[in-house]
Amino acid sequence: MTNSEKQLDEIFALQSIFDKKFRFVNNDQYEISIEFNLNTPIAIQFNNQTAIIQYLPPLTLIIHYHDEYPSNYPPSFILSCFYFSKINLQKLCQKLDNYPFHQGE
């Protein structure tokens, strides 16, 4: 299979998994909205005040395919989430960057 064919297979699989949370940005880029279900509300205390969090907005993952994916290099990606600090997003991206890439898969 060519890289393009493998990319298309992956896109079909991700579309079936994420359904309405998956959308195309352009021909070689797509976006996945990753939602968090809180089974129990979270209480946050700051300056003697308590806030109850019942809902967290989704984290957005944008994946960009390039000609060398998946045969030689992993795709590039962007993570965004307004309630994560820049440092925490960088740490999460570093973990994803360090995830083992298996050429051709």
PDB file of N, CA and C in Angstrom:
ATOM      1  N   MET A   1       0.837  -1.192   0.000  1.00  0.00           N
ATOM      2  CA  MET A   1       0.000   0.000   0.000  1.00  0.00           C
ATOM      3  C   MET A   1       0.880   1.252   0.000  1.00  0.00           C
ATOM      4  N   THR A   2       0.399   2.283  -0.640  1.00  0.00           N
ATOM      5  CA  THR A   2       1.106   3.564  -0.637  1.00  0.00           C
ATOM      6  C   THR A   2       0.809   4.319   0.656  1.00  0.00           C
ATOM      7  N   ASN A   3       1.606   5.352   0.912  1.00  0.00           N
ATOM      8  CA  ASN A   3       1.345   6.191   2.089  1.00  0.00           C
ATOM      9  C   ASN A   3      -0.056   6.787   2.034  1.00  0.00           C
ATOM     10  N   SER A   4      -0.458   7.254   0.865  1.00  0.00           N
ATOM     11  CA  SER A   4      -1.788   7.864   0.716  1.00  0.00           C
ATOM     12  C   SER A   4      -2.894   6.869   1.043  1.00  0.00           C
ATOM     13  N   GLU A   5      -2.737   5.637   0.589  1.00  0.00           N
ATOM     14  CA  GLU A   5      -3.743   4.610   0.873  1.00  0.00           C
ATOM     15  C   GLU A   5      -3.794   4.287   2.369  1.00  0.00           C
ATOM     16  N   LYS A   6      -2.626   4.202   2.998  1.00  0.00           N
ATOM     17  CA  LYS A   6      -2.585   3.932   4.440  1.00  0.00           C
ATOM     18  C   LYS A   6      -3.191   5.092   5.227  1.00  0.00           C
ATOM     19  N   GLN A   7      -2.918   6.308   4.784  1.00  0.00           N
ATOM     20  CA  GLN A   7      -3.498   7.484   5.440  1.00  0.00           C
ATOM     21  C   GLN A   7      -5.015   7.462   5.327  1.00  0.00           C
ATOM     22  N   LEU A   8      -5.516   7.132   4.148  1.00  0.00           N
ATOM     23  CA  LEU A   8      -6.963   7.075   3.931  1.00  0.00           C
ATOM     24  C   LEU A   8      -7.605   6.001   4.811  1.00  0.00           C
ATOM     25  N   ASP A   9      -6.968   4.833   4.912  1.00  0.00           N
ATOM     26  CA  ASP A   9      -7.475   3.781   5.807  1.00  0.00           C
ATOM     27  C   ASP A   9      -7.538   4.278   7.250  1.00  0.00           C
ATOM     28  N   GLU A  10      -6.496   4.979   7.671  1.00  0.00           N
ATOM     29  CA  GLU A  10      -6.463   5.500   9.035  1.00  0.00           C
ATOM     30  C   GLU A  10      -7.564   6.531   9.249  1.00  0.00           C
ATOM     31  N   ILE A  11      -7.771   7.390   8.273  1.00  0.00           N
ATOM     32  CA  ILE A  11      -8.827   8.406   8.372  1.00  0.00           C
ATOM     33  C   ILE A  11     -10.197   7.741   8.504  1.00  0.00           C
ATOM     34  N   PHE A  12     -10.468   6.716   7.702  1.00  0.00           N
ATOM     35  CA  PHE A  12     -11.752   6.011   7.796  1.00  0.00           C
ATOM     36  C   PHE A  12     -11.936   5.395   9.182  1.00  0.00           C
ATOM     37  N   ALA A  13     -10.873   4.808   9.720  1.00  0.00           N
ATOM     38  CA  ALA A  13     -10.952   4.205  11.054  1.00  0.00           C
ATOM     39  C   ALA A  13     -11.231   5.272  12.111  1.00  0.00           C
ATOM     40  N   LEU A  14     -10.513   6.391  12.050  1.00  0.00           N
ATOM     41  CA  LEU A  14     -10.709   7.461  13.032  1.00  0.00           C
ATOM     42  C   LEU A  14     -12.097   8.090  12.916  1.00  0.00           C
ATOM     43  N   GLN A  15     -12.590   8.232  11.678  1.00  0.00           N
ATOM     44  CA  GLN A  15     -13.947   8.762  11.487  1.00  0.00           C
ATOM     45  C   GLN A  15     -14.975   7.852  12.143  1.00  0.00           C
ATOM     46  N   SER A  16     -14.787   6.539  12.007  1.00  0.00           N
ATOM     47  CA  SER A  16     -15.761   5.618  12.597  1.00  0.00           C
ATOM     48  C   SER A  16     -15.674   5.621  14.124  1.00  0.00           C
ATOM     49  N   ILE A  17     -14.491   5.861  14.670  1.00  0.00           N
ATOM     50  CA  ILE A  17     -14.326   5.894  16.128  1.00  0.00           C
ATOM     51  C   ILE A  17     -14.865   7.195  16.713  1.00  0.00           C
ATOM     52  N   PHE A  18     -14.487   8.326  16.118  1.00  0.00           N
ATOM     53  CA  PHE A  18     -14.809   9.628  16.701  1.00  0.00           C
ATOM     54  C   PHE A  18     -16.070  10.270  16.139  1.00  0.00           C
ATOM     55  N   ASP A  19     -16.595   9.758  15.039  1.00  0.00           N
ATOM     56  CA  ASP A  19     -17.857  10.205  14.456  1.00  0.00           C
ATOM     57  C   ASP A  19     -17.940  11.730  14.342  1.00  0.00           C
ATOM     58  N   LYS A  20     -18.835  12.362  15.064  1.00  0.00           N
ATOM     59  CA  LYS A  20     -19.052  13.810  14.941  1.00  0.00           C
ATOM     60  C   LYS A  20     -17.934  14.632  15.568  1.00  0.00           C
ATOM     61  N   LYS A  21     -17.058  13.989  16.315  1.00  0.00           N
ATOM     62  CA  LYS A  21     -15.933  14.697  16.933  1.00  0.00           C
ATOM     63  C   LYS A  21     -14.744  14.787  15.981  1.00  0.00           C
ATOM     64  N   PHE A  22     -14.886  14.231  14.786  1.00  0.00           N
ATOM     65  CA  PHE A  22     -13.853  14.228  13.754  1.00  0.00           C
ATOM     66  C   PHE A  22     -14.282  15.171  12.644  1.00  0.00           C
ATOM     67  N   ARG A  23     -13.361  16.039  12.207  1.00  0.00           N
ATOM     68  CA  ARG A  23     -13.690  16.887  11.050  1.00  0.00           C
ATOM     69  C   ARG A  23     -12.426  17.200  10.267  1.00  0.00           C
ATOM     70  N   PHE A  24     -12.593  17.340   8.964  1.00  0.00           N
ATOM     71  CA  PHE A  24     -11.471  17.702   8.100  1.00  0.00           C
ATOM     72  C   PHE A  24     -11.211  19.195   8.188  1.00  0.00           C
ATOM     73  N   VAL A  25      -9.934  19.559   8.291  1.00  0.00           N
ATOM     74  CA  VAL A  25      -9.529  20.959   8.238  1.00  0.00           C
ATOM     75  C   VAL A  25      -9.212  21.294   6.782  1.00  0.00           C
ATOM     76  N   ASN A  26      -8.478  20.418   6.121  1.00  0.00           N
ATOM     77  CA  ASN A  26      -8.218  20.482   4.679  1.00  0.00           C
ATOM     78  C   ASN A  26      -7.816  19.082   4.218  1.00  0.00           C
ATOM     79  N   ASN A  27      -7.259  18.946   3.014  1.00  0.00           N
ATOM     80  CA  ASN A  27      -6.983  17.616   2.451  1.00  0.00           C
ATOM     81  C   ASN A  27      -6.032  16.757   3.274  1.00  0.00           C
ATOM     82  N   ASP A  28      -5.065  17.378   3.944  1.00  0.00           N
ATOM     83  CA  ASP A  28      -4.078  16.588   4.677  1.00  0.00           C
ATOM     84  C   ASP A  28      -4.078  16.882   6.180  1.00  0.00           C
ATOM     85  N   GLN A  29      -5.151  17.478   6.653  1.00  0.00           N
ATOM     86  CA  GLN A  29      -5.251  17.840   8.062  1.00  0.00           C
ATOM     87  C   GLN A  29      -6.657  17.560   8.569  1.00  0.00           C
ATOM     88  N   TYR A  30      -6.724  17.021   9.776  1.00  0.00           N
ATOM     89  CA  TYR A  30      -8.032  16.825  10.393  1.00  0.00           C
ATOM     90  C   TYR A  30      -7.947  17.151  11.871  1.00  0.00           C
ATOM     91  N   GLU A  31      -9.114  17.325  12.464  1.00  0.00           N
ATOM     92  CA  GLU A  31      -9.220  17.733  13.862  1.00  0.00           C
ATOM     93  C   GLU A  31     -10.095  16.730  14.603  1.00  0.00           C
ATOM     94  N   ILE A  32      -9.654  16.369  15.801  1.00  0.00           N
ATOM     95  CA  ILE A  32     -10.435  15.489  16.661  1.00  0.00           C
ATOM     96  C   ILE A  32     -10.679  16.217  17.971  1.00  0.00           C
ATOM     97  N   SER A  33     -11.919  16.242  18.373  1.00  0.00           N
ATOM     98  CA  SER A  33     -12.300  16.843  19.646  1.00  0.00           C
ATOM     99  C   SER A  33     -12.374  15.724  20.686  1.00  0.00           C
ATOM    100  N   ILE A  34     -11.535  15.820  21.719  1.00  0.00           N
ATOM    101  CA  ILE A  34     -11.464  14.780  22.742  1.00  0.00           C
ATOM    102  C   ILE A  34     -12.156  15.288  23.995  1.00  0.00           C
ATOM    103  N   GLU A  35     -13.269  14.658  24.320  1.00  0.00           N
ATOM    104  CA  GLU A  35     -14.070  15.110  25.456  1.00  0.00           C
ATOM    105  C   GLU A  35     -13.759  14.296  26.706  1.00  0.00           C
ATOM    106  N   PHE A  36     -13.940  14.936  27.837  1.00  0.00           N
ATOM    107  CA  PHE A  36     -13.724  14.303  29.132  1.00  0.00           C
ATOM    108  C   PHE A  36     -15.055  14.253  29.868  1.00  0.00           C
ATOM    109  N   ASN A  37     -15.472  13.069  30.241  1.00  0.00           N
ATOM    110  CA  ASN A  37     -16.700  12.919  31.022  1.00  0.00           C
ATOM    111  C   ASN A  37     -16.330  12.851  32.495  1.00  0.00           C
ATOM    112  N   LEU A  38     -16.821  13.799  33.246  1.00  0.00           N
ATOM    113  CA  LEU A  38     -16.587  13.794  34.687  1.00  0.00           C
ATOM    114  C   LEU A  38     -17.716  13.031  35.358  1.00  0.00           C
ATOM    115  N   ASN A  39     -17.398  11.890  35.920  1.00  0.00           N
ATOM    116  CA  ASN A  39     -18.416  11.115  36.631  1.00  0.00           C
ATOM    117  C   ASN A  39     -18.807  11.789  37.936  1.00  0.00           C
ATOM    118  N   THR A  40     -17.836  12.441  38.538  1.00  0.00           N
ATOM    119  CA  THR A  40     -18.046  13.141  39.802  1.00  0.00           C
ATOM    120  C   THR A  40     -17.521  14.558  39.647  1.00  0.00           C
ATOM    121  N   PRO A  41     -18.282  15.558  40.041  1.00  0.00           N
ATOM    122  CA  PRO A  41     -17.780  16.938  39.962  1.00  0.00           C
ATOM    123  C   PRO A  41     -16.480  17.105  40.752  1.00  0.00           C
ATOM    124  N   ILE A  42     -15.663  18.041  40.309  1.00  0.00           N
ATOM    125  CA  ILE A  42     -14.382  18.333  40.945  1.00  0.00           C
ATOM    126  C   ILE A  42     -14.511  19.644  41.706  1.00  0.00           C
ATOM    127  N   ALA A  43     -14.054  19.648  42.947  1.00  0.00           N
ATOM    128  CA  ALA A  43     -14.053  20.877  43.749  1.00  0.00           C
ATOM    129  C   ALA A  43     -12.651  21.475  43.714  1.00  0.00           C
ATOM    130  N   ILE A  44     -12.575  22.751  43.357  1.00  0.00           N
ATOM    131  CA  ILE A  44     -11.301  23.469  43.310  1.00  0.00           C
ATOM    132  C   ILE A  44     -11.373  24.606  44.310  1.00  0.00           C
ATOM    133  N   GLN A  45     -10.352  24.677  45.152  1.00  0.00           N
ATOM    134  CA  GLN A  45     -10.302  25.746  46.150  1.00  0.00           C
ATOM    135  C   GLN A  45      -9.147  26.686  45.828  1.00  0.00           C
ATOM    136  N   PHE A  46      -9.437  27.994  45.914  1.00  0.00           N
ATOM    137  CA  PHE A  46      -8.421  29.014  45.676  1.00  0.00           C
ATOM    138  C   PHE A  46      -8.818  30.267  46.445  1.00  0.00           C
ATOM    139  N   ASN A  47      -7.894  30.800  47.218  1.00  0.00           N
ATOM    140  CA  ASN A  47      -8.156  32.013  48.013  1.00  0.00           C
ATOM    141  C   ASN A  47      -9.436  31.896  48.842  1.00  0.00           C
ATOM    142  N   ASN A  48      -9.557  30.806  49.549  1.00  0.00           N
ATOM    143  CA  ASN A  48     -10.702  30.566  50.442  1.00  0.00           C
ATOM    144  C   ASN A  48     -12.043  30.502  49.719  1.00  0.00           C
ATOM    145  N   GLN A  49     -12.028  30.272  48.429  1.00  0.00           N
ATOM    146  CA  GLN A  49     -13.265  30.097  47.664  1.00  0.00           C
ATOM    147  C   GLN A  49     -13.229  28.724  47.000  1.00  0.00           C
ATOM    148  N   THR A  50     -14.396  28.138  46.859  1.00  0.00           N
ATOM    149  CA  THR A  50     -14.503  26.823  46.236  1.00  0.00           C
ATOM    150  C   THR A  50     -15.358  26.931  44.981  1.00  0.00           C
ATOM    151  N   ALA A  51     -14.884  26.322  43.927  1.00  0.00           N
ATOM    152  CA  ALA A  51     -15.647  26.242  42.676  1.00  0.00           C
ATOM    153  C   ALA A  51     -15.870  24.769  42.363  1.00  0.00           C
ATOM    154  N   ILE A  52     -17.063  24.453  41.929  1.00  0.00           N
ATOM    155  CA  ILE A  52     -17.396  23.078  41.553  1.00  0.00           C
ATOM    156  C   ILE A  52     -17.364  22.990  40.030  1.00  0.00           C
ATOM    157  N   ILE A  53     -16.536  22.089  39.518  1.00  0.00           N
ATOM    158  CA  ILE A  53     -16.404  21.881  38.076  1.00  0.00           C
ATOM    159  C   ILE A  53     -17.190  20.629  37.711  1.00  0.00           C
ATOM    160  N   GLN A  54     -18.171  20.791  36.832  1.00  0.00           N
ATOM    161  CA  GLN A  54     -18.989  19.656  36.406  1.00  0.00           C
ATOM    162  C   GLN A  54     -18.737  19.274  34.951  1.00  0.00           C
ATOM    163  N   TYR A  55     -18.061  20.155  34.225  1.00  0.00           N
ATOM    164  CA  TYR A  55     -17.836  19.926  32.799  1.00  0.00           C
ATOM    165  C   TYR A  55     -16.473  20.483  32.414  1.00  0.00           C
ATOM    166  N   LEU A  56     -15.735  19.734  31.607  1.00  0.00           N
ATOM    167  CA  LEU A  56     -14.477  20.223  31.053  1.00  0.00           C
ATOM    168  C   LEU A  56     -14.627  20.330  29.540  1.00  0.00           C
ATOM    169  N   PRO A  57     -14.285  21.466  28.961  1.00  0.00           N
ATOM    170  CA  PRO A  57     -14.329  21.585  27.502  1.00  0.00           C
ATOM    171  C   PRO A  57     -13.356  20.595  26.859  1.00  0.00           C
ATOM    172  N   PRO A  58     -13.583  20.259  25.611  1.00  0.00           N
ATOM    173  CA  PRO A  58     -12.728  19.259  24.964  1.00  0.00           C
ATOM    174  C   PRO A  58     -11.309  19.763  24.704  1.00  0.00           C
ATOM    175  N   LEU A  59     -10.422  18.809  24.593  1.00  0.00           N
ATOM    176  CA  LEU A  59      -9.068  19.047  24.127  1.00  0.00           C
ATOM    177  C   LEU A  59      -9.121  18.865  22.614  1.00  0.00           C
ATOM    178  N   THR A  60      -8.449  19.703  21.860  1.00  0.00           N
ATOM    179  CA  THR A  60      -8.467  19.607  20.403  1.00  0.00           C
ATOM    180  C   THR A  60      -7.121  19.104  19.903  1.00  0.00           C
ATOM    181  N   LEU A  61      -7.175  18.075  19.080  1.00  0.00           N
ATOM    182  CA  LEU A  61      -5.984  17.501  18.465  1.00  0.00           C
ATOM    183  C   LEU A  61      -6.098  17.697  16.962  1.00  0.00           C
ATOM    184  N   ILE A  62      -5.136  18.409  16.390  1.00  0.00           N
ATOM    185  CA  ILE A  62      -5.088  18.598  14.938  1.00  0.00           C
ATOM    186  C   ILE A  62      -3.914  17.780  14.414  1.00  0.00           C
ATOM    187  N   ILE A  63      -4.194  16.894  13.482  1.00  0.00           N
ATOM    188  CA  ILE A  63      -3.183  16.018  12.891  1.00  0.00           C
ATOM    189  C   ILE A  63      -2.934  16.470  11.457  1.00  0.00           C
ATOM    190  N   HIS A  64      -1.662  16.553  11.098  1.00  0.00           N
ATOM    191  CA  HIS A  64      -1.277  16.918   9.733  1.00  0.00           C
ATOM    192  C   HIS A  64      -0.476  15.773   9.126  1.00  0.00           C
ATOM    193  N   TYR A  65      -0.996  15.213   8.040  1.00  0.00           N
ATOM    194  CA  TYR A  65      -0.274  14.169   7.310  1.00  0.00           C
ATOM    195  C   TYR A  65       0.686  14.819   6.328  1.00  0.00           C
ATOM    196  N   HIS A  66       1.784  14.163   6.078  1.00  0.00           N
ATOM    197  CA  HIS A  66       2.733  14.612   5.064  1.00  0.00           C
ATOM    198  C   HIS A  66       3.087  13.412   4.193  1.00  0.00           C
ATOM    199  N   ASP A  67       3.821  13.661   3.125  1.00  0.00           N
ATOM    200  CA  ASP A  67       4.118  12.610   2.148  1.00  0.00           C
ATOM    201  C   ASP A  67       4.892  11.425   2.727  1.00  0.00           C
ATOM    202  N   GLU A  68       5.656  11.636   3.776  1.00  0.00           N
ATOM    203  CA  GLU A  68       6.499  10.585   4.354  1.00  0.00           C
ATOM    204  C   GLU A  68       5.796   9.756   5.432  1.00  0.00           C
ATOM    205  N   TYR A  69       4.527  10.062   5.722  1.00  0.00           N
ATOM    206  CA  TYR A  69       3.783   9.308   6.728  1.00  0.00           C
ATOM    207  C   TYR A  69       2.915   8.267   6.054  1.00  0.00           C
ATOM    208  N   PRO A  70       2.900   7.035   6.504  1.00  0.00           N
ATOM    209  CA  PRO A  70       3.550   6.466   7.683  1.00  0.00           C
ATOM    210  C   PRO A  70       4.857   5.727   7.402  1.00  0.00           C
ATOM    211  N   SER A  71       5.351   5.778   6.163  1.00  0.00           N
ATOM    212  CA  SER A  71       6.517   4.957   5.832  1.00  0.00           C
ATOM    213  C   SER A  71       7.787   5.372   6.558  1.00  0.00           C
ATOM    214  N   ASN A  72       7.991   6.683   6.792  1.00  0.00           N
ATOM    215  CA  ASN A  72       9.263   7.125   7.369  1.00  0.00           C
ATOM    216  C   ASN A  72       9.154   7.968   8.631  1.00  0.00           C
ATOM    217  N   TYR A  73       8.127   8.791   8.725  1.00  0.00           N
ATOM    218  CA  TYR A  73       8.020   9.728   9.844  1.00  0.00           C
ATOM    219  C   TYR A  73       6.589   9.783  10.363  1.00  0.00           C
ATOM    220  N   PRO A  74       6.428  10.098  11.643  1.00  0.00           N
ATOM    221  CA  PRO A  74       5.068  10.253  12.181  1.00  0.00           C
ATOM    222  C   PRO A  74       4.430  11.541  11.674  1.00  0.00           C
ATOM    223  N   PRO A  75       3.116  11.655  11.786  1.00  0.00           N
ATOM    224  CA  PRO A  75       2.465  12.909  11.390  1.00  0.00           C
ATOM    225  C   PRO A  75       2.806  14.005  12.394  1.00  0.00           C
ATOM    226  N   SER A  76       2.635  15.245  11.975  1.00  0.00           N
ATOM    227  CA  SER A  76       2.790  16.348  12.925  1.00  0.00           C
ATOM    228  C   SER A  76       1.427  16.612  13.562  1.00  0.00           C
ATOM    229  N   PHE A  77       1.438  17.261  14.719  1.00  0.00           N
ATOM    230  CA  PHE A  77       0.179  17.495  15.412  1.00  0.00           C
ATOM    231  C   PHE A  77       0.246  18.777  16.224  1.00  0.00           C
ATOM    232  N   ILE A  78      -0.929  19.277  16.552  1.00  0.00           N
ATOM    233  CA  ILE A  78      -1.081  20.440  17.426  1.00  0.00           C
ATOM    234  C   ILE A  78      -2.138  20.077  18.461  1.00  0.00           C
ATOM    235  N   LEU A  79      -1.837  20.334  19.716  1.00  0.00           N
ATOM    236  CA  LEU A  79      -2.804  20.151  20.793  1.00  0.00           C
ATOM    237  C   LEU A  79      -3.211  21.508  21.317  1.00  0.00           C
ATOM    238  N   SER A  80      -4.489  21.677  21.579  1.00  0.00           N
ATOM    239  CA  SER A  80      -4.923  22.926  22.205  1.00  0.00           C
ATOM    240  C   SER A  80      -6.014  22.627  23.228  1.00  0.00           C
ATOM    241  N   CYS A  81      -5.952  23.372  24.298  1.00  0.00           N
ATOM    242  CA  CYS A  81      -6.915  23.219  25.375  1.00  0.00           C
ATOM    243  C   CYS A  81      -6.778  24.446  26.255  1.00  0.00           C
ATOM    244  N   PHE A  82      -7.830  25.248  26.357  1.00  0.00           N
ATOM    245  CA  PHE A  82      -7.673  26.541  27.011  1.00  0.00           C
ATOM    246  C   PHE A  82      -7.448  26.444  28.513  1.00  0.00           C
ATOM    247  N   TYR A  83      -7.792  25.322  29.151  1.00  0.00           N
ATOM    248  CA  TYR A  83      -7.597  25.228  30.594  1.00  0.00           C
ATOM    249  C   TYR A  83      -6.302  24.502  30.968  1.00  0.00           C
ATOM    250  N   PHE A  84      -5.517  24.057  29.986  1.00  0.00           N
ATOM    251  CA  PHE A  84      -4.180  23.525  30.255  1.00  0.00           C
ATOM    252  C   PHE A  84      -3.198  24.677  30.151  1.00  0.00           C
ATOM    253  N   SER A  85      -2.243  24.722  31.039  1.00  0.00           N
ATOM    254  CA  SER A  85      -1.203  25.746  30.922  1.00  0.00           C
ATOM    255  C   SER A  85      -0.316  25.404  29.723  1.00  0.00           C
ATOM    256  N   LYS A  86       0.396  26.398  29.241  1.00  0.00           N
ATOM    257  CA  LYS A  86       1.299  26.193  28.108  1.00  0.00           C
ATOM    258  C   LYS A  86       2.339  25.123  28.450  1.00  0.00           C
ATOM    259  N   ILE A  87       2.828  25.151  29.677  1.00  0.00           N
ATOM    260  CA  ILE A  87       3.835  24.168  30.109  1.00  0.00           C
ATOM    261  C   ILE A  87       3.251  22.758  30.110  1.00  0.00           C
ATOM    262  N   ASN A  88       2.016  22.597  30.602  1.00  0.00           N
ATOM    263  CA  ASN A  88       1.395  21.266  30.616  1.00  0.00           C
ATOM    264  C   ASN A  88       1.107  20.764  29.210  1.00  0.00           C
ATOM    265  N   LEU A  89       0.700  21.660  28.315  1.00  0.00           N
ATOM    266  CA  LEU A  89       0.503  21.252  26.919  1.00  0.00           C
ATOM    267  C   LEU A  89       1.831  20.825  26.299  1.00  0.00           C
ATOM    268  N   GLN A  90       2.902  21.557  26.595  1.00  0.00           N
ATOM    269  CA  GLN A  90       4.221  21.187  26.073  1.00  0.00           C
ATOM    270  C   GLN A  90       4.647  19.819  26.593  1.00  0.00           C
ATOM    271  N   LYS A  91       4.402  19.552  27.862  1.00  0.00           N
ATOM    272  CA  LYS A  91       4.752  18.249  28.437  1.00  0.00           C
ATOM    273  C   LYS A  91       3.967  17.125  27.766  1.00  0.00           C
ATOM    274  N   LEU A  92       2.687  17.363  27.546  1.00  0.00           N
ATOM    275  CA  LEU A  92       1.861  16.362  26.882  1.00  0.00           C
ATOM    276  C   LEU A  92       2.343  16.133  25.449  1.00  0.00           C
ATOM    277  N   CYS A  93       2.670  17.203  24.745  1.00  0.00           N
ATOM    278  CA  CYS A  93       3.195  17.082  23.377  1.00  0.00           C
ATOM    279  C   CYS A  93       4.520  16.323  23.369  1.00  0.00           C
ATOM    280  N   GLN A  94       5.377  16.579  24.348  1.00  0.00           N
ATOM    281  CA  GLN A  94       6.649  15.853  24.438  1.00  0.00           C
ATOM    282  C   GLN A  94       6.410  14.363  24.633  1.00  0.00           C
ATOM    283  N   LYS A  95       5.427  14.022  25.456  1.00  0.00           N
ATOM    284  CA  LYS A  95       5.106  12.605  25.658  1.00  0.00           C
ATOM    285  C   LYS A  95       4.623  11.978  24.351  1.00  0.00           C
ATOM    286  N   LEU A  96       3.804  12.706  23.609  1.00  0.00           N
ATOM    287  CA  LEU A  96       3.342  12.189  22.319  1.00  0.00           C
ATOM    288  C   LEU A  96       4.493  12.094  21.322  1.00  0.00           C
ATOM    289  N   ASP A  97       5.395  13.073  21.347  1.00  0.00           N
ATOM    290  CA  ASP A  97       6.570  13.030  20.468  1.00  0.00           C
ATOM    291  C   ASP A  97       7.460  11.832  20.783  1.00  0.00           C
ATOM    292  N   ASN A  98       7.517  11.441  22.048  1.00  0.00           N
ATOM    293  CA  ASN A  98       8.372  10.327  22.467  1.00  0.00           C
ATOM    294  C   ASN A  98       7.697   8.966  22.323  1.00  0.00           C
ATOM    295  N   TYR A  99       6.423   8.971  21.941  1.00  0.00           N
ATOM    296  CA  TYR A  99       5.706   7.713  21.749  1.00  0.00           C
ATOM    297  C   TYR A  99       6.371   6.955  20.603  1.00  0.00           C
ATOM    298  N   PRO A 100       6.580   5.643  20.755  1.00  0.00           N
ATOM    299  CA  PRO A 100       7.295   4.902  19.708  1.00  0.00           C
ATOM    300  C   PRO A 100       6.567   4.969  18.361  1.00  0.00           C
ATOM    301  N   PHE A 101       7.308   5.327  17.342  1.00  0.00           N
ATOM    302  CA  PHE A 101       6.776   5.359  15.979  1.00  0.00           C
ATOM    303  C   PHE A 101       7.257   4.112  15.257  1.00  0.00           C
ATOM    304  N   HIS A 102       6.329   3.381  14.662  1.00  0.00           N
ATOM    305  CA  HIS A 102       6.665   2.168  13.928  1.00  0.00           C
ATOM    306  C   HIS A 102       6.512   2.466  12.442  1.00  0.00           C
ATOM    307  N   GLN A 103       7.635   2.570  11.751  1.00  0.00           N
ATOM    308  CA  GLN A 103       7.603   2.915  10.330  1.00  0.00           C
ATOM    309  C   GLN A 103       6.731   1.946   9.554  1.00  0.00           C
ATOM    310  N   GLY A 104       5.932   2.519   8.674  1.00  0.00           N
ATOM    311  CA  GLY A 104       5.107   1.722   7.788  1.00  0.00           C
ATOM    312  C   GLY A 104       3.785   1.271   8.368  1.00  0.00           C
ATOM    313  N   GLU A 105       3.561   1.510   9.658  1.00  0.00           N
ATOM    314  CA  GLU A 105       2.303   1.067  10.271  1.00  0.00           C
ATOM    315  C   GLU A 105       1.305   2.184  10.345  1.00  0.00           C
TER     316      GLU A 105
END
